[in-house]
Amino acid sequence: MTTVVDGGDDDEEINPVTMLLLGDDDDALHKSEAVPTSVQHQSYHLTSVDSTIVIRQLPSQGLSFQLWPAATTFVNLLDCYKASNTDPLSTVITNVKSRSRLRILELGSGTGVVGIAASAVLGADVTVTDLPHVLPNLKFNVDANSVVLAPRGGQVRVGALSWGNKEEMEAIGREYDLIIGSDVVYHDNLYDPLLETLRYLFLDGEKVFLMAHLRRWKKESGFFKKAKKYFQVELIHEDGPSTASRTGVVVYRFARKDAVFR
């Protein structure tokens, strides 16, 4: 069952540094924060395809070069996907899939782990996107994990997409079945450009945007209030708090106002 969501209104602010996913061991996490290294790697074993994705992080380069908890939740959901299931993710994919190979666009891909996992598990044709300066590391991770994509015929392409940039939006196009993102509601100055980009992508076809999100600040409620002017916004999955944060990750489904789900 899905639940209409308001984005939360907790006044508490949570230090985002404490939520950075650098490993499963809490002690190792704090050591990594205290003495950062130039290159770090995180592996994700995908049981469903018996393969392991290895992601390169460059923490000193900024937020887009690091892994965050919402990405892990999304990867876990993908790994549990089965076409015959009635779980929220399977239901979404059943509704949007228009041909044999699913077409997916990821916004704010960062290190690319979610898009790579989606391609590996679903055999999907995925386009991962981010700001131009993020693309070299994103492409590195895509190329490094190409062997994981081969068994199901998945493909991952890399493209520049600055939200709200008309030229880049037109270059990326709208020919996608599913749009995904994790931890994209972060900087409040990007709320409007993100919504503008989503509105462009939703201009044609029955599409869905799946967004994994770790709530941090009260101000985020402003994004959801604006989003609900244009989209159906529903909570479809929730993870409880982890050792790295005081709040859990939630996954939302954005759809057209007139969308009807089977």
C-alpha atoms as a PDB file:
ATOM      1  CA  MET A   1       0.000   0.000   0.000  1.00  0.00           C
ATOM      2  CA  THR A   2       1.237   3.458  -0.830  1.00  0.00           C
ATOM      3  CA  THR A   3       0.961   6.458   1.443  1.00  0.00           C
ATOM      4  CA  VAL A   4       0.701  10.097   0.457  1.00  0.00           C
ATOM      5  CA  VAL A   5       3.645  11.911   1.966  1.00  0.00           C
ATOM      6  CA  ASP A   6       4.182  15.472   3.132  1.00  0.00           C
ATOM      7  CA  GLY A   7       7.978  15.388   3.265  1.00  0.00           C
ATOM      8  CA  GLY A   8       8.165  15.570   7.052  1.00  0.00           C
ATOM      9  CA  ASP A   9       8.383  18.535   9.394  1.00  0.00           C
ATOM     10  CA  ASP A  10      10.887  17.548  12.037  1.00  0.00           C
ATOM     11  CA  ASP A  11      12.800  20.607  13.306  1.00  0.00           C
ATOM     12  CA  GLU A  12      15.928  18.641  14.080  1.00  0.00           C
ATOM     13  CA  GLU A  13      18.889  19.169  11.805  1.00  0.00           C
ATOM     14  CA  ILE A  14      21.163  16.193  11.283  1.00  0.00           C
ATOM     15  CA  ASN A  15      24.835  16.530  10.442  1.00  0.00           C
ATOM     16  CA  PRO A  16      25.118  15.047   6.929  1.00  0.00           C
ATOM     17  CA  VAL A  17      28.755  14.088   7.482  1.00  0.00           C
ATOM     18  CA  THR A  18      27.670  11.448   9.994  1.00  0.00           C
ATOM     19  CA  MET A  19      25.491   9.859   7.338  1.00  0.00           C
ATOM     20  CA  LEU A  20      28.223   9.282   4.782  1.00  0.00           C
ATOM     21  CA  LEU A  21      28.449   5.620   3.879  1.00  0.00           C
ATOM     22  CA  LEU A  22      32.066   4.581   3.771  1.00  0.00           C
ATOM     23  CA  GLY A  23      31.715   1.093   5.158  1.00  0.00           C
ATOM     24  CA  ASP A  24      29.667  -1.170   7.357  1.00  0.00           C
ATOM     25  CA  ASP A  25      31.849  -0.843  10.421  1.00  0.00           C
ATOM     26  CA  ASP A  26      31.002   2.214  12.544  1.00  0.00           C
ATOM     27  CA  ASP A  27      34.546   2.575  13.913  1.00  0.00           C
ATOM     28  CA  ALA A  28      35.942   2.489  10.402  1.00  0.00           C
ATOM     29  CA  LEU A  29      33.467   5.212   9.448  1.00  0.00           C
ATOM     30  CA  HIS A  30      34.771   7.637  12.051  1.00  0.00           C
ATOM     31  CA  LYS A  31      38.381   6.848  11.216  1.00  0.00           C
ATOM     32  CA  SER A  32      37.688   7.595   7.560  1.00  0.00           C
ATOM     33  CA  GLU A  33      36.155  10.945   8.491  1.00  0.00           C
ATOM     34  CA  ALA A  34      39.101  11.895  10.698  1.00  0.00           C
ATOM     35  CA  VAL A  35      41.807  10.893   8.217  1.00  0.00           C
ATOM     36  CA  PRO A  36      40.361  11.126   4.698  1.00  0.00           C
ATOM     37  CA  THR A  37      42.159   9.357   1.898  1.00  0.00           C
ATOM     38  CA  SER A  38      42.284  10.402  -1.727  1.00  0.00           C
ATOM     39  CA  VAL A  39      40.607   7.238  -3.059  1.00  0.00           C
ATOM     40  CA  GLN A  40      38.175   4.893  -1.343  1.00  0.00           C
ATOM     41  CA  HIS A  41      36.245   1.902  -2.637  1.00  0.00           C
ATOM     42  CA  GLN A  42      32.919   0.394  -1.629  1.00  0.00           C
ATOM     43  CA  SER A  43      31.589  -2.930  -2.857  1.00  0.00           C
ATOM     44  CA  TYR A  44      27.975  -4.029  -3.208  1.00  0.00           C
ATOM     45  CA  HIS A  45      27.201  -7.697  -3.734  1.00  0.00           C
ATOM     46  CA  LEU A  46      24.089  -8.204  -5.846  1.00  0.00           C
ATOM     47  CA  THR A  47      22.693 -11.555  -4.797  1.00  0.00           C
ATOM     48  CA  SER A  48      20.104 -11.567  -7.558  1.00  0.00           C
ATOM     49  CA  VAL A  49      22.770 -11.670 -10.264  1.00  0.00           C
ATOM     50  CA  ASP A  50      25.596 -13.126  -8.134  1.00  0.00           C
ATOM     51  CA  SER A  51      27.886 -10.222  -8.978  1.00  0.00           C
ATOM     52  CA  THR A  52      29.697  -7.484  -7.108  1.00  0.00           C
ATOM     53  CA  ILE A  53      29.791  -3.800  -7.999  1.00  0.00           C
ATOM     54  CA  VAL A  54      32.863  -1.882  -6.858  1.00  0.00           C
ATOM     55  CA  ILE A  55      32.565   1.886  -6.655  1.00  0.00           C
ATOM     56  CA  ARG A  56      35.429   4.378  -6.520  1.00  0.00           C
ATOM     57  CA  GLN A  57      34.928   7.373  -4.238  1.00  0.00           C
ATOM     58  CA  LEU A  58      36.982  10.561  -4.207  1.00  0.00           C
ATOM     59  CA  PRO A  59      35.838  12.239  -0.969  1.00  0.00           C
ATOM     60  CA  SER A  60      38.131  15.231  -1.276  1.00  0.00           C
ATOM     61  CA  GLN A  61      36.425  16.177  -4.545  1.00  0.00           C
ATOM     62  CA  GLY A  62      33.016  16.875  -2.974  1.00  0.00           C
ATOM     63  CA  LEU A  63      29.608  15.399  -2.188  1.00  0.00           C
ATOM     64  CA  SER A  64      28.996  13.997  -5.671  1.00  0.00           C
ATOM     65  CA  PHE A  65      32.060  11.768  -5.376  1.00  0.00           C
ATOM     66  CA  GLN A  66      30.870   9.985  -2.227  1.00  0.00           C
ATOM     67  CA  LEU A  67      28.300   7.314  -1.374  1.00  0.00           C
ATOM     68  CA  TRP A  68      25.231   8.110   0.724  1.00  0.00           C
ATOM     69  CA  PRO A  69      22.675   5.942   2.571  1.00  0.00           C
ATOM     70  CA  ALA A  70      19.809   6.534   0.127  1.00  0.00           C
ATOM     71  CA  ALA A  71      21.827   4.891  -2.645  1.00  0.00           C
ATOM     72  CA  THR A  72      22.267   1.769  -0.539  1.00  0.00           C
ATOM     73  CA  THR A  73      18.516   1.533   0.045  1.00  0.00           C
ATOM     74  CA  PHE A  74      17.873   1.859  -3.689  1.00  0.00           C
ATOM     75  CA  VAL A  75      20.468  -0.793  -4.540  1.00  0.00           C
ATOM     76  CA  ASN A  76      18.918  -3.178  -1.997  1.00  0.00           C
ATOM     77  CA  LEU A  77      15.457  -2.646  -3.495  1.00  0.00           C
ATOM     78  CA  LEU A  78      16.795  -3.407  -6.949  1.00  0.00           C
ATOM     79  CA  ASP A  79      18.556  -6.524  -5.694  1.00  0.00           C
ATOM     80  CA  CYS A  80      15.254  -7.828  -4.282  1.00  0.00           C
ATOM     81  CA  TYR A  81      13.357  -7.193  -7.512  1.00  0.00           C
ATOM     82  CA  LYS A  82      11.505 -10.071  -9.145  1.00  0.00           C
ATOM     83  CA  ALA A  83       9.120  -9.508 -12.027  1.00  0.00           C
ATOM     84  CA  SER A  84       6.485 -11.761 -10.473  1.00  0.00           C
ATOM     85  CA  ASN A  85       6.490  -9.985  -7.114  1.00  0.00           C
ATOM     86  CA  THR A  86       3.902  -7.513  -5.901  1.00  0.00           C
ATOM     87  CA  ASP A  87       6.370  -5.375  -3.941  1.00  0.00           C
ATOM     88  CA  PRO A  88       6.324  -1.628  -4.705  1.00  0.00           C
ATOM     89  CA  LEU A  89       9.345  -1.653  -7.022  1.00  0.00           C
ATOM     90  CA  SER A  90       8.050  -4.584  -9.081  1.00  0.00           C
ATOM     91  CA  THR A  91       4.654  -2.905  -9.367  1.00  0.00           C
ATOM     92  CA  VAL A  92       6.224   0.333 -10.584  1.00  0.00           C
ATOM     93  CA  ILE A  93       8.295  -1.446 -13.224  1.00  0.00           C
ATOM     94  CA  THR A  94       5.296  -3.447 -14.427  1.00  0.00           C
ATOM     95  CA  ASN A  95       3.365  -0.224 -14.911  1.00  0.00           C
ATOM     96  CA  VAL A  96       6.031   1.697 -16.817  1.00  0.00           C
ATOM     97  CA  LYS A  97       7.783  -0.949 -18.882  1.00  0.00           C
ATOM     98  CA  SER A  98       6.850  -0.373 -22.520  1.00  0.00           C
ATOM     99  CA  ARG A  99       9.188  -2.774 -24.302  1.00  0.00           C
ATOM    100  CA  SER A 100      11.498  -5.723 -23.657  1.00  0.00           C
ATOM    101  CA  ARG A 101      14.352  -3.547 -22.373  1.00  0.00           C
ATOM    102  CA  LEU A 102      13.546  -0.926 -19.756  1.00  0.00           C
ATOM    103  CA  ARG A 103      14.838   2.597 -20.448  1.00  0.00           C
ATOM    104  CA  ILE A 104      15.991   4.395 -17.305  1.00  0.00           C
ATOM    105  CA  LEU A 105      17.341   7.888 -16.663  1.00  0.00           C
ATOM    106  CA  GLU A 106      19.161   8.614 -13.413  1.00  0.00           C
ATOM    107  CA  LEU A 107      19.388  12.190 -12.151  1.00  0.00           C
ATOM    108  CA  GLY A 108      22.287  13.318  -9.998  1.00  0.00           C
ATOM    109  CA  SER A 109      24.047   9.981 -10.377  1.00  0.00           C
ATOM    110  CA  GLY A 110      27.174  10.897  -8.418  1.00  0.00           C
ATOM    111  CA  THR A 111      29.286   7.743  -8.281  1.00  0.00           C
ATOM    112  CA  GLY A 112      26.758   5.868 -10.436  1.00  0.00           C
ATOM    113  CA  VAL A 113      26.096   2.930  -8.124  1.00  0.00           C
ATOM    114  CA  VAL A 114      22.294   3.021  -8.456  1.00  0.00           C
ATOM    115  CA  GLY A 115      22.271   3.299 -12.228  1.00  0.00           C
ATOM    116  CA  ILE A 116      24.859   0.545 -12.570  1.00  0.00           C
ATOM    117  CA  ALA A 117      22.876  -1.722 -10.233  1.00  0.00           C
ATOM    118  CA  ALA A 118      19.659  -1.005 -12.148  1.00  0.00           C
ATOM    119  CA  SER A 119      21.277  -2.001 -15.408  1.00  0.00           C
ATOM    120  CA  ALA A 120      22.847  -5.131 -13.916  1.00  0.00           C
ATOM    121  CA  VAL A 121      19.693  -6.392 -12.186  1.00  0.00           C
ATOM    122  CA  LEU A 122      17.046  -5.328 -14.696  1.00  0.00           C
ATOM    123  CA  GLY A 123      19.055  -5.686 -17.897  1.00  0.00           C
ATOM    124  CA  ALA A 124      18.082  -2.083 -18.506  1.00  0.00           C
ATOM    125  CA  ASP A 125      19.345   0.582 -20.867  1.00  0.00           C
ATOM    126  CA  VAL A 126      20.386   3.239 -18.331  1.00  0.00           C
ATOM    127  CA  THR A 127      21.585   6.799 -18.836  1.00  0.00           C
ATOM    128  CA  VAL A 128      23.419   8.149 -15.782  1.00  0.00           C
ATOM    129  CA  THR A 129      23.799  11.921 -15.519  1.00  0.00           C
ATOM    130  CA  ASP A 130      25.410  14.598 -13.401  1.00  0.00           C
ATOM    131  CA  LEU A 131      27.293  17.884 -13.659  1.00  0.00           C
ATOM    132  CA  PRO A 132      30.179  17.916 -16.164  1.00  0.00           C
ATOM    133  CA  HIS A 133      32.957  17.854 -13.544  1.00  0.00           C
ATOM    134  CA  VAL A 134      31.474  14.680 -12.002  1.00  0.00           C
ATOM    135  CA  LEU A 135      31.427  12.712 -15.253  1.00  0.00           C
ATOM    136  CA  PRO A 136      35.037  11.420 -15.348  1.00  0.00           C
ATOM    137  CA  ASN A 137      34.655   9.502 -12.068  1.00  0.00           C
ATOM    138  CA  LEU A 138      31.146   8.429 -13.053  1.00  0.00           C
ATOM    139  CA  LYS A 139      32.434   7.041 -16.342  1.00  0.00           C
ATOM    140  CA  PHE A 140      35.307   5.353 -14.513  1.00  0.00           C
ATOM    141  CA  ASN A 141      32.849   3.443 -12.337  1.00  0.00           C
ATOM    142  CA  VAL A 142      30.633   2.530 -15.284  1.00  0.00           C
ATOM    143  CA  ASP A 143      33.604   1.174 -17.239  1.00  0.00           C
ATOM    144  CA  ALA A 144      35.039  -0.633 -14.205  1.00  0.00           C
ATOM    145  CA  ASN A 145      31.771  -2.542 -13.721  1.00  0.00           C
ATOM    146  CA  SER A 146      31.008  -3.334 -17.349  1.00  0.00           C
ATOM    147  CA  VAL A 147      31.512  -7.053 -16.761  1.00  0.00           C
ATOM    148  CA  VAL A 148      28.630  -7.013 -14.260  1.00  0.00           C
ATOM    149  CA  LEU A 149      26.267  -5.671 -16.917  1.00  0.00           C
ATOM    150  CA  ALA A 150      27.007  -8.268 -19.571  1.00  0.00           C
ATOM    151  CA  PRO A 151      24.987 -11.299 -18.337  1.00  0.00           C
ATOM    152  CA  ARG A 152      21.594  -9.555 -18.695  1.00  0.00           C
ATOM    153  CA  GLY A 153      22.535  -7.335 -21.599  1.00  0.00           C
ATOM    154  CA  GLY A 154      22.347  -4.078 -19.680  1.00  0.00           C
ATOM    155  CA  GLN A 155      23.969  -0.914 -20.965  1.00  0.00           C
ATOM    156  CA  VAL A 156      24.955   2.282 -19.158  1.00  0.00           C
ATOM    157  CA  ARG A 157      25.598   5.583 -20.888  1.00  0.00           C
ATOM    158  CA  VAL A 158      27.013   8.715 -19.264  1.00  0.00           C
ATOM    159  CA  GLY A 159      25.715  12.213 -19.980  1.00  0.00           C
ATOM    160  CA  ALA A 160      25.886  15.751 -18.641  1.00  0.00           C
ATOM    161  CA  LEU A 161      22.683  17.130 -17.159  1.00  0.00           C
ATOM    162  CA  SER A 162      22.560  20.317 -15.132  1.00  0.00           C
ATOM    163  CA  TRP A 163      19.001  20.559 -13.832  1.00  0.00           C
ATOM    164  CA  GLY A 164      17.065  23.327 -15.508  1.00  0.00           C
ATOM    165  CA  ASN A 165      19.568  23.638 -18.367  1.00  0.00           C
ATOM    166  CA  LYS A 166      17.314  23.536 -21.419  1.00  0.00           C
ATOM    167  CA  GLU A 167      20.080  22.616 -23.878  1.00  0.00           C
ATOM    168  CA  GLU A 168      21.288  19.692 -21.776  1.00  0.00           C
ATOM    169  CA  MET A 169      17.730  18.515 -21.059  1.00  0.00           C
ATOM    170  CA  GLU A 170      16.946  18.450 -24.758  1.00  0.00           C
ATOM    171  CA  ALA A 171      20.188  16.570 -25.475  1.00  0.00           C
ATOM    172  CA  ILE A 172      19.287  13.901 -22.898  1.00  0.00           C
ATOM    173  CA  GLY A 173      15.729  13.687 -24.237  1.00  0.00           C
ATOM    174  CA  ARG A 174      12.528  12.276 -22.742  1.00  0.00           C
ATOM    175  CA  GLU A 175      12.482   8.759 -24.172  1.00  0.00           C
ATOM    176  CA  TYR A 176      12.576   6.933 -20.854  1.00  0.00           C
ATOM    177  CA  ASP A 177      10.226   4.604 -19.009  1.00  0.00           C
ATOM    178  CA  LEU A 178      11.561   5.274 -15.532  1.00  0.00           C
ATOM    179  CA  ILE A 179      13.462   8.131 -13.890  1.00  0.00           C
ATOM    180  CA  ILE A 180      15.426   7.477 -10.710  1.00  0.00           C
ATOM    181  CA  GLY A 181      17.460   9.421  -8.181  1.00  0.00           C
ATOM    182  CA  SER A 182      18.860   9.148  -4.663  1.00  0.00           C
ATOM    183  CA  ASP A 183      19.675  11.976  -2.260  1.00  0.00           C
ATOM    184  CA  VAL A 184      18.868  14.586  -4.884  1.00  0.00           C
ATOM    185  CA  VAL A 185      16.868  16.827  -2.512  1.00  0.00           C
ATOM    186  CA  TYR A 186      19.823  18.328  -0.700  1.00  0.00           C
ATOM    187  CA  HIS A 187      20.596  21.944  -1.676  1.00  0.00           C
ATOM    188  CA  ASP A 188      17.479  24.120  -1.485  1.00  0.00           C
ATOM    189  CA  ASN A 189      18.657  26.324  -4.369  1.00  0.00           C
ATOM    190  CA  LEU A 190      18.271  23.256  -6.610  1.00  0.00           C
ATOM    191  CA  TYR A 191      14.663  22.431  -5.672  1.00  0.00           C
ATOM    192  CA  ASP A 192      13.172  24.502  -8.490  1.00  0.00           C
ATOM    193  CA  PRO A 193      15.679  23.364 -11.169  1.00  0.00           C
ATOM    194  CA  LEU A 194      15.013  19.723 -10.199  1.00  0.00           C
ATOM    195  CA  LEU A 195      11.250  20.194 -10.479  1.00  0.00           C
ATOM    196  CA  GLU A 196      11.682  22.016 -13.795  1.00  0.00           C
ATOM    197  CA  THR A 197      13.696  19.073 -15.107  1.00  0.00           C
ATOM    198  CA  LEU A 198      11.097  16.553 -13.918  1.00  0.00           C
ATOM    199  CA  ARG A 199       8.271  18.533 -15.492  1.00  0.00           C
ATOM    200  CA  TYR A 200      10.161  18.508 -18.798  1.00  0.00           C
ATOM    201  CA  LEU A 201      10.747  14.763 -18.592  1.00  0.00           C
ATOM    202  CA  PHE A 202       7.079  14.132 -17.800  1.00  0.00           C
ATOM    203  CA  LEU A 203       5.736  16.062 -20.792  1.00  0.00           C
ATOM    204  CA  ASP A 204       4.919  12.859 -22.655  1.00  0.00           C
ATOM    205  CA  GLY A 205       4.219   9.246 -21.708  1.00  0.00           C
ATOM    206  CA  GLU A 206       3.257   7.497 -18.504  1.00  0.00           C
ATOM    207  CA  LYS A 207       6.446   7.902 -16.525  1.00  0.00           C
ATOM    208  CA  VAL A 208       7.443   7.511 -12.900  1.00  0.00           C
ATOM    209  CA  PHE A 209      10.224   9.099 -10.880  1.00  0.00           C
ATOM    210  CA  LEU A 210      11.503   6.940  -8.019  1.00  0.00           C
ATOM    211  CA  MET A 211      13.458   8.903  -5.447  1.00  0.00           C
ATOM    212  CA  ALA A 212      15.287   7.498  -2.425  1.00  0.00           C
ATOM    213  CA  HIS A 213      15.680  10.191   0.209  1.00  0.00           C
ATOM    214  CA  LEU A 214      17.203  10.589   3.656  1.00  0.00           C
ATOM    215  CA  ARG A 215      15.419  13.447   5.391  1.00  0.00           C
ATOM    216  CA  ARG A 216      17.798  15.896   7.012  1.00  0.00           C
ATOM    217  CA  TRP A 217      16.219  19.320   7.409  1.00  0.00           C
ATOM    218  CA  LYS A 218      12.798  20.856   7.906  1.00  0.00           C
ATOM    219  CA  LYS A 219      13.305  23.041   4.832  1.00  0.00           C
ATOM    220  CA  GLU A 220      12.937  19.966   2.629  1.00  0.00           C
ATOM    221  CA  SER A 221       9.179  20.102   3.219  1.00  0.00           C
ATOM    222  CA  GLY A 222       9.187  23.078   0.848  1.00  0.00           C
ATOM    223  CA  PHE A 223      10.346  20.851  -1.976  1.00  0.00           C
ATOM    224  CA  PHE A 224       7.539  18.356  -1.414  1.00  0.00           C
ATOM    225  CA  LYS A 225       4.885  21.083  -1.182  1.00  0.00           C
ATOM    226  CA  LYS A 226       5.996  22.392  -4.564  1.00  0.00           C
ATOM    227  CA  ALA A 227       6.282  18.888  -6.029  1.00  0.00           C
ATOM    228  CA  LYS A 228       2.699  18.030  -5.107  1.00  0.00           C
ATOM    229  CA  LYS A 229       1.448  20.924  -7.220  1.00  0.00           C
ATOM    230  CA  TYR A 230       2.603  19.024 -10.307  1.00  0.00           C
ATOM    231  CA  PHE A 231       2.809  15.341  -9.350  1.00  0.00           C
ATOM    232  CA  GLN A 232       1.258  12.581  -7.334  1.00  0.00           C
ATOM    233  CA  VAL A 233       3.836  12.011  -4.582  1.00  0.00           C
ATOM    234  CA  GLU A 234       3.570   8.776  -2.630  1.00  0.00           C
ATOM    235  CA  LEU A 235       5.782   6.972  -0.164  1.00  0.00           C
ATOM    236  CA  ILE A 236       6.269   3.379  -1.292  1.00  0.00           C
ATOM    237  CA  HIS A 237       9.096   2.109   0.924  1.00  0.00           C
ATOM    238  CA  GLU A 238      10.792   3.010   4.176  1.00  0.00           C
ATOM    239  CA  ASP A 239      13.939   1.764   5.907  1.00  0.00           C
ATOM    240  CA  GLY A 240      14.413   2.259   9.619  1.00  0.00           C
ATOM    241  CA  PRO A 241      17.265   4.336  11.075  1.00  0.00           C
ATOM    242  CA  SER A 242      20.761   2.887  10.718  1.00  0.00           C
ATOM    243  CA  THR A 243      23.843   3.204  12.887  1.00  0.00           C
ATOM    244  CA  ALA A 244      24.995   6.063  10.653  1.00  0.00           C
ATOM    245  CA  SER A 245      21.902   8.254  11.028  1.00  0.00           C
ATOM    246  CA  ARG A 246      18.916   8.944  13.253  1.00  0.00           C
ATOM    247  CA  THR A 247      16.384   8.771  10.444  1.00  0.00           C
ATOM    248  CA  GLY A 248      15.640   6.117   7.867  1.00  0.00           C
ATOM    249  CA  VAL A 249      15.624   6.303   4.095  1.00  0.00           C
ATOM    250  CA  VAL A 250      12.282   6.630   2.345  1.00  0.00           C
ATOM    251  CA  VAL A 251      11.473   5.998  -1.311  1.00  0.00           C
ATOM    252  CA  TYR A 252       8.876   8.115  -3.084  1.00  0.00           C
ATOM    253  CA  ARG A 253       7.009   7.592  -6.323  1.00  0.00           C
ATOM    254  CA  PHE A 254       6.315  10.710  -8.383  1.00  0.00           C
ATOM    255  CA  ALA A 255       3.748  10.348 -11.152  1.00  0.00           C
ATOM    256  CA  ARG A 256       1.562  12.551 -13.303  1.00  0.00           C
ATOM    257  CA  LYS A 257      -1.508  13.901 -11.598  1.00  0.00           C
ATOM    258  CA  ASP A 258      -3.726  11.912 -13.945  1.00  0.00           C
ATOM    259  CA  ALA A 259      -1.765   8.649 -13.711  1.00  0.00           C
ATOM    260  CA  VAL A 260      -3.694   5.485 -12.857  1.00  0.00           C
ATOM    261  CA  PHE A 261      -1.742   2.477 -11.583  1.00  0.00           C
ATOM    262  CA  ARG A 262      -2.730  -1.119 -12.135  1.00  0.00           C
END
